[in-house]
């Protein structure tokens, strides 16, 4: 029998996190460019941002149909948004003019997939980029990140908005929703399987930060 699924968060009804969502008005518009494979992940974090933030849009990143995405193409052509992505030419977030509100583009996918997205979508290659250093290890305990500085899309959004708006408490509810989603998923995985596949890796990652 097929499990009943929440039409809003797309999680099974028994794991629905909608009751934890808090609607927040963000001053800096958020646009999430999502790799097609990422949209299929049941425990992806971009959905939490989409459901929680007043000014947040998600776009599917297909190179062959990017030209058809009128909203995002117009955004890039007319507003000169900032792309949140590390690199040698990236501007540290601390140097951004916080009084000049601009749209922010986040890439949702693995490091390999986001690099591919930039390669296949030329419009992204000419955008000014912002970089930042995570202040704490990722809370995303159920995915194996490539390095200790890797964090989820939602954590990146919370970090950037908190810094740009000079408010490090405003967006914490999004992370609490993420924690609830992960806790439920660990219940489904089972303690033994989780500790075998994830817990030791997370312990090692956190020890390097201390």
Protein backbone atom coordinates (compact mmCIF):
# COMPACT_ATOMS: atom_id res chain seq x y z
CA UNK A 1 0.00 0.00 0.00
CA UNK A 2 1.32 3.42 -0.97
CA UNK A 3 2.04 5.70 1.98
CA UNK A 4 -0.04 8.85 2.35
CA UNK A 5 2.07 11.91 1.55
CA UNK A 6 1.67 15.52 2.66
CA UNK A 7 0.90 17.69 -0.36
CA UNK A 8 2.83 20.61 1.12
CA UNK A 9 6.14 19.28 2.47
CA UNK A 10 6.03 16.13 0.30
CA UNK A 11 6.96 13.93 3.26
CA UNK A 12 4.98 10.88 4.40
CA UNK A 13 2.15 11.97 6.69
CA UNK A 14 3.84 10.27 9.65
CA UNK A 15 6.93 12.41 9.05
CA UNK A 16 5.20 15.66 8.07
CA UNK A 17 6.97 18.71 9.51
CA UNK A 18 4.44 21.35 8.45
CA UNK A 19 3.31 21.92 12.04
CA UNK A 20 6.82 23.21 12.85
CA UNK A 21 6.95 25.79 10.03
CA UNK A 22 7.04 29.47 10.95
CA UNK A 23 6.39 32.04 8.21
CA UNK A 24 9.16 34.64 8.06
CA UNK A 25 9.45 37.76 5.90
CA UNK A 26 12.93 37.97 4.43
CA UNK A 27 14.21 41.29 3.11
CA UNK A 28 16.66 39.79 0.59
CA UNK A 29 14.82 37.79 -2.13
CA UNK A 30 15.91 34.16 -2.38
CA UNK A 31 16.04 32.15 -5.62
CA UNK A 32 16.99 28.47 -5.38
CA UNK A 33 18.33 26.92 -8.57
CA UNK A 34 17.80 23.21 -8.00
CA UNK A 35 19.47 20.32 -9.79
CA UNK A 36 16.80 17.90 -11.13
CA UNK A 37 18.17 14.99 -9.06
CA UNK A 38 17.98 17.08 -5.88
CA UNK A 39 14.28 17.67 -6.40
CA UNK A 40 13.74 13.92 -5.96
CA UNK A 41 15.37 13.77 -2.52
CA UNK A 42 12.68 13.34 0.13
CA UNK A 43 14.92 14.85 2.79
CA UNK A 44 16.13 17.84 0.79
CA UNK A 45 16.26 21.09 2.77
CA UNK A 46 15.36 23.60 0.04
CA UNK A 47 11.68 22.76 0.49
CA UNK A 48 11.80 24.07 4.06
CA UNK A 49 13.07 27.45 2.82
CA UNK A 50 10.39 27.53 0.13
CA UNK A 51 7.62 26.90 2.69
CA UNK A 52 8.99 29.20 5.41
CA UNK A 53 10.22 32.31 3.65
CA UNK A 54 7.93 35.02 2.29
CA UNK A 55 10.22 35.85 -0.63
CA UNK A 56 11.64 32.58 -1.93
CA UNK A 57 11.34 30.86 -5.31
CA UNK A 58 12.65 27.49 -6.51
CA UNK A 59 13.66 26.94 -10.15
CA UNK A 60 14.62 23.68 -11.83
CA UNK A 61 18.11 23.87 -13.30
CA UNK A 62 17.97 22.18 -16.69
CA UNK A 63 20.53 23.54 -19.15
CA UNK A 64 18.33 22.76 -22.13
CA UNK A 65 15.29 24.60 -20.77
CA UNK A 66 16.97 27.40 -18.83
CA UNK A 67 16.17 29.85 -21.64
CA UNK A 68 12.49 29.02 -21.14
CA UNK A 69 12.59 29.95 -17.45
CA UNK A 70 11.40 33.50 -18.00
CA UNK A 71 11.32 34.54 -14.34
CA UNK A 72 14.89 33.54 -13.58
CA UNK A 73 16.28 34.68 -16.92
CA UNK A 74 14.71 38.11 -16.42
CA UNK A 75 16.06 38.22 -12.88
CA UNK A 76 19.61 37.64 -14.09
CA UNK A 77 19.32 40.02 -17.04
CA UNK A 78 17.73 42.95 -15.20
CA UNK A 79 18.68 42.87 -11.52
CA UNK A 80 22.30 41.64 -11.38
CA UNK A 81 21.71 39.19 -8.51
CA UNK A 82 24.41 37.73 -6.30
CA UNK A 83 25.33 34.06 -6.65
CA UNK A 84 26.22 32.34 -3.39
CA UNK A 85 29.16 30.17 -4.38
CA UNK A 86 32.80 29.89 -3.24
CA UNK A 87 35.70 30.64 -5.54
CA UNK A 88 38.86 32.66 -5.95
CA UNK A 89 36.95 35.71 -7.15
CA UNK A 90 34.13 35.43 -4.61
CA UNK A 91 33.50 38.41 -2.35
CA UNK A 92 33.43 37.63 1.39
CA UNK A 93 29.94 38.24 2.70
CA UNK A 94 31.30 40.66 5.29
CA UNK A 95 32.20 43.09 2.48
CA UNK A 96 28.73 43.19 0.93
CA UNK A 97 26.78 46.44 1.21
CA UNK A 98 23.94 45.39 3.49
CA UNK A 99 21.89 48.48 2.69
CA UNK A 100 21.67 47.61 -1.02
CA UNK A 101 19.15 44.76 -1.10
CA UNK A 102 19.68 42.39 -4.04
CA UNK A 103 18.34 39.01 -5.07
CA UNK A 104 20.38 36.01 -3.96
CA UNK A 105 20.78 32.80 -5.98
CA UNK A 106 21.59 29.54 -4.20
CA UNK A 107 22.48 26.33 -6.05
CA UNK A 108 20.81 23.23 -4.62
CA UNK A 109 22.74 20.03 -5.28
CA UNK A 110 25.99 18.22 -4.52
CA UNK A 111 29.28 20.03 -5.11
CA UNK A 112 29.84 18.02 -8.29
CA UNK A 113 26.36 18.79 -9.57
CA UNK A 114 26.49 22.50 -8.78
CA UNK A 115 29.80 22.85 -10.60
CA UNK A 116 28.15 21.15 -13.56
CA UNK A 117 25.22 23.56 -13.34
CA UNK A 118 27.53 26.56 -13.58
CA UNK A 119 29.36 24.98 -16.51
CA UNK A 120 26.15 24.24 -18.42
CA UNK A 121 24.37 27.53 -17.70
CA UNK A 122 26.58 30.36 -19.04
CA UNK A 123 24.35 33.06 -17.51
CA UNK A 124 25.58 32.01 -14.07
CA UNK A 125 29.25 32.36 -14.97
CA UNK A 126 29.10 36.15 -15.20
CA UNK A 127 27.32 36.80 -11.92
CA UNK A 128 29.17 38.31 -8.95
CA UNK A 129 29.65 35.61 -6.31
CA UNK A 130 29.55 35.70 -2.52
CA UNK A 131 31.37 33.31 -0.23
CA UNK A 132 31.17 32.69 3.51
CA UNK A 133 32.71 30.43 6.13
CA UNK A 134 30.26 28.27 8.11
CA UNK A 135 30.33 29.10 11.80
CA UNK A 136 29.47 25.55 12.91
CA UNK A 137 29.38 21.99 11.53
CA UNK A 138 26.41 21.02 9.41
CA UNK A 139 23.30 19.79 11.21
CA UNK A 140 22.54 17.61 8.20
CA UNK A 141 23.41 14.34 9.93
CA UNK A 142 21.94 12.01 7.33
CA UNK A 143 23.97 12.95 4.27
CA UNK A 144 27.68 12.46 3.80
CA UNK A 145 29.29 15.78 2.94
CA UNK A 146 32.59 15.95 0.99
CA UNK A 147 34.38 18.09 3.59
CA UNK A 148 33.92 19.61 7.03
CA UNK A 149 32.92 23.02 5.66
CA UNK A 150 30.04 21.66 3.58
CA UNK A 151 26.55 22.57 4.76
CA UNK A 152 23.04 22.10 3.39
CA UNK A 153 21.24 24.59 1.16
CA UNK A 154 18.94 25.60 4.01
CA UNK A 155 21.86 26.21 6.38
CA UNK A 156 23.55 28.34 3.72
CA UNK A 157 20.40 30.42 3.27
CA UNK A 158 20.02 30.91 7.03
CA UNK A 159 23.70 31.85 7.42
CA UNK A 160 23.64 34.38 4.58
CA UNK A 161 20.34 36.02 5.53
CA UNK A 162 21.35 36.22 9.18
CA UNK A 163 24.58 37.99 8.26
CA UNK A 164 23.06 40.37 5.72
CA UNK A 165 20.21 41.36 8.04
CA UNK A 166 22.38 41.49 11.16
CA UNK A 167 19.96 39.19 12.97
CA UNK A 168 21.23 35.79 14.03
CA UNK A 169 18.01 34.69 15.73
CA UNK A 170 15.36 35.54 13.15
CA UNK A 171 15.90 32.50 10.94
CA UNK A 172 16.60 29.88 13.61
CA UNK A 173 13.04 28.45 13.25
CA UNK A 174 14.04 27.12 9.82
CA UNK A 175 16.85 25.11 11.39
CA UNK A 176 14.49 23.77 14.05
CA UNK A 177 12.23 22.45 11.29
CA UNK A 178 15.26 20.87 9.66
CA UNK A 179 16.23 19.21 12.96
CA UNK A 180 12.73 17.78 13.30
CA UNK A 181 12.85 16.37 9.76
CA UNK A 182 16.24 14.76 10.37
CA UNK A 183 15.24 13.32 13.75
CA UNK A 184 12.23 11.63 12.13
CA UNK A 185 14.38 10.26 9.32
CA UNK A 186 16.85 8.79 11.82
CA UNK A 187 13.93 7.07 13.52
CA UNK A 188 13.03 5.44 10.21
CA UNK A 189 16.63 4.49 9.46
CA UNK A 190 17.07 2.89 12.86
CA UNK A 191 19.69 3.68 15.49
CA UNK A 192 22.05 0.84 14.56
CA UNK A 193 22.09 1.62 10.84
CA UNK A 194 22.42 5.36 11.48
CA UNK A 195 25.39 4.92 13.83
CA UNK A 196 27.08 2.58 11.37
CA UNK A 197 26.67 4.81 8.30
CA UNK A 198 26.56 8.35 9.65
CA UNK A 199 27.26 8.88 13.35
CA UNK A 200 30.98 8.09 13.33
CA UNK A 201 31.54 10.33 10.32
CA UNK A 202 29.72 13.21 12.01
CA UNK A 203 31.65 12.67 15.25
CA UNK A 204 34.95 12.88 13.38
CA UNK A 205 33.81 16.00 11.49
CA UNK A 206 32.76 17.75 14.69
CA UNK A 207 35.99 16.82 16.49
CA UNK A 208 38.00 18.57 13.78
CA UNK A 209 36.01 21.75 14.43
CA UNK A 210 36.70 21.78 18.16
